[in-house]
Each structure stands twice: as C-alpha cells, then as structure tokens.
C-alpha cells in the first residue's frame, strides 16, 4: 500500500477498499446473473486493482482469476470464481474491521 508510513492514510485506503465491496457485489453479481460478461469483467478489474494496491494479495489473486476467466470466455467457471472471491472478501472485511476497529457489515 502506498501510504508513506502514515497509519491514518493506510486506514483510509483500507476503509475505501472495504467500502467498495458492496458496489462490486452489486455490479458484478448482477452482471454475471444477466450474462453481461464485459460488465462483470470491468467491475472485477477495478476490484483486482484496488485489492492489489492495498496489498490484499489473496483477494487480488481471486479477483484476477475471475477477470482472466471472463477475458478468455471461461464463463462456465465464472460463478464459482465469483463465490470464491466473495468468500475472500468476507474474510478480508473481517480482518479490516478489526484493524479499523469497526463492526463488520455482515
């Protein structure tokens, strides 16, 4: 994360990341359900970048796997990869909420 050894800035970036999960779930989830693969890929691409920027590598790798599947037309595995990514986001949100000392959104 590019917080320049500033804990408040790091917390801010982490909070922005966690706050983006709901938007991702709405956008990517509805796009996948509608078979709008390009919209799902764009949403996943944004999440992949944000997670990697914040050094959340496990979530970033899951997001990259989903994005790659959508890019290469592997739509039959997209739903499974989305669920795996969502599980990682739940785990990441729990950890982030401990760091930020706020209750999880559940």
Protein backbone atom coordinates (compact mmCIF):
# COMPACT_ATOMS: atom_id res chain seq x y z
CA UNK A 1 0.00 0.00 0.00
CA UNK A 2 1.30 3.45 -0.82
CA UNK A 3 0.58 5.14 2.50
CA UNK A 4 4.04 6.58 3.04
CA UNK A 5 4.36 5.14 6.56
CA UNK A 6 1.26 7.13 7.54
CA UNK A 7 -1.09 4.88 9.58
CA UNK A 8 -4.04 7.24 9.14
CA UNK A 9 -3.62 7.18 5.37
CA UNK A 10 -3.29 3.39 5.38
CA UNK A 11 -6.50 3.13 7.42
CA UNK A 12 -8.23 5.47 4.97
CA UNK A 13 -7.21 3.34 1.96
CA UNK A 14 -8.29 0.18 3.74
CA UNK A 15 -11.64 1.72 4.58
CA UNK A 16 -12.15 2.80 0.96
CA UNK A 17 -11.35 -0.73 -0.16
CA UNK A 18 -13.82 -2.35 2.23
CA UNK A 19 -16.47 0.21 1.32
CA UNK A 20 -16.08 -0.76 -2.36
CA UNK A 21 -17.06 -4.39 -1.74
CA UNK A 22 -20.81 -3.67 -1.76
CA UNK A 23 -20.61 -1.87 -5.09
CA UNK A 24 -18.56 -4.72 -6.54
CA UNK A 25 -21.07 -7.30 -5.34
CA UNK A 26 -23.99 -5.34 -6.81
CA UNK A 27 -22.31 -4.65 -10.15
CA UNK A 28 -20.51 -7.94 -10.75
CA UNK A 29 -23.25 -10.09 -9.22
CA UNK A 30 -26.00 -8.62 -11.37
CA UNK A 31 -23.78 -8.58 -14.47
CA UNK A 32 -22.93 -12.27 -14.03
CA UNK A 33 -26.58 -13.15 -13.45
CA UNK A 34 -27.50 -11.32 -16.66
CA UNK A 35 -24.67 -12.86 -18.66
CA UNK A 36 -23.12 -9.43 -19.17
CA UNK A 37 -19.58 -10.74 -19.10
CA UNK A 38 -17.88 -7.48 -20.09
CA UNK A 39 -19.56 -5.50 -17.29
CA UNK A 40 -18.61 -8.23 -14.81
CA UNK A 41 -15.03 -8.15 -16.09
CA UNK A 42 -14.78 -4.35 -15.74
CA UNK A 43 -16.10 -4.44 -12.18
CA UNK A 44 -13.75 -7.28 -11.30
CA UNK A 45 -10.82 -5.44 -12.89
CA UNK A 46 -11.43 -2.41 -10.65
CA UNK A 47 -11.60 -4.62 -7.57
CA UNK A 48 -8.44 -6.50 -8.57
CA UNK A 49 -6.54 -3.22 -8.87
CA UNK A 50 -7.84 -1.89 -5.57
CA UNK A 51 -7.01 -5.06 -3.66
CA UNK A 52 -3.51 -5.24 -5.07
CA UNK A 53 -2.95 -1.54 -4.33
CA UNK A 54 -3.84 -2.24 -0.70
CA UNK A 55 -1.64 -5.36 -0.63
CA UNK A 56 -4.64 -7.64 -0.13
CA UNK A 57 -2.99 -10.24 -2.32
CA UNK A 58 -5.28 -13.21 -1.62
CA UNK A 59 -8.34 -11.23 -2.69
CA UNK A 60 -6.38 -9.70 -5.56
CA UNK A 61 -5.41 -13.12 -6.88
CA UNK A 62 -9.00 -14.36 -6.66
CA UNK A 63 -10.20 -11.24 -8.48
CA UNK A 64 -7.53 -11.74 -11.14
CA UNK A 65 -8.61 -15.35 -11.65
CA UNK A 66 -12.20 -14.22 -12.19
CA UNK A 67 -11.15 -11.43 -14.51
CA UNK A 68 -8.97 -13.81 -16.53
CA UNK A 69 -11.82 -16.31 -16.84
CA UNK A 70 -14.14 -13.56 -18.07
CA UNK A 71 -11.49 -12.27 -20.52
CA UNK A 72 -10.91 -15.70 -22.01
CA UNK A 73 -14.54 -16.78 -22.27
CA UNK A 74 -14.47 -19.34 -19.45
CA UNK A 75 -17.96 -18.33 -18.39
CA UNK A 76 -18.87 -21.76 -17.03
CA UNK A 77 -16.48 -21.27 -14.09
CA UNK A 78 -17.19 -17.57 -13.51
CA UNK A 79 -19.93 -18.11 -10.92
CA UNK A 80 -17.72 -20.44 -8.87
CA UNK A 81 -14.83 -17.98 -9.02
CA UNK A 82 -17.17 -15.16 -8.01
CA UNK A 83 -18.31 -17.14 -4.95
CA UNK A 84 -14.69 -17.90 -4.00
CA UNK A 85 -13.80 -14.23 -4.37
CA UNK A 86 -16.80 -13.22 -2.28
CA UNK A 87 -15.68 -15.59 0.50
CA UNK A 88 -12.25 -13.97 0.43
CA UNK A 89 -13.84 -10.51 0.59
CA UNK A 90 -15.81 -11.55 3.68
CA UNK A 91 -12.59 -12.75 5.30
CA UNK A 92 -10.78 -9.57 4.30
CA UNK A 93 -13.60 -7.39 5.60
CA UNK A 94 -13.49 -9.16 8.97
CA UNK A 95 -9.73 -8.57 9.25
CA UNK A 96 -10.05 -4.97 8.05
CA UNK A 97 -12.79 -4.23 10.56
CA UNK A 98 -10.55 -5.50 13.35
CA UNK A 99 -7.78 -3.21 12.15
CA UNK A 100 -10.15 -0.26 11.75
CA UNK A 101 -11.95 -1.11 14.99
CA UNK A 102 -15.40 -1.02 13.44
CA UNK A 103 -18.14 -3.67 13.38
CA UNK A 104 -18.36 -5.87 10.26
CA UNK A 105 -21.25 -5.11 7.95
CA UNK A 106 -22.23 -8.77 7.77
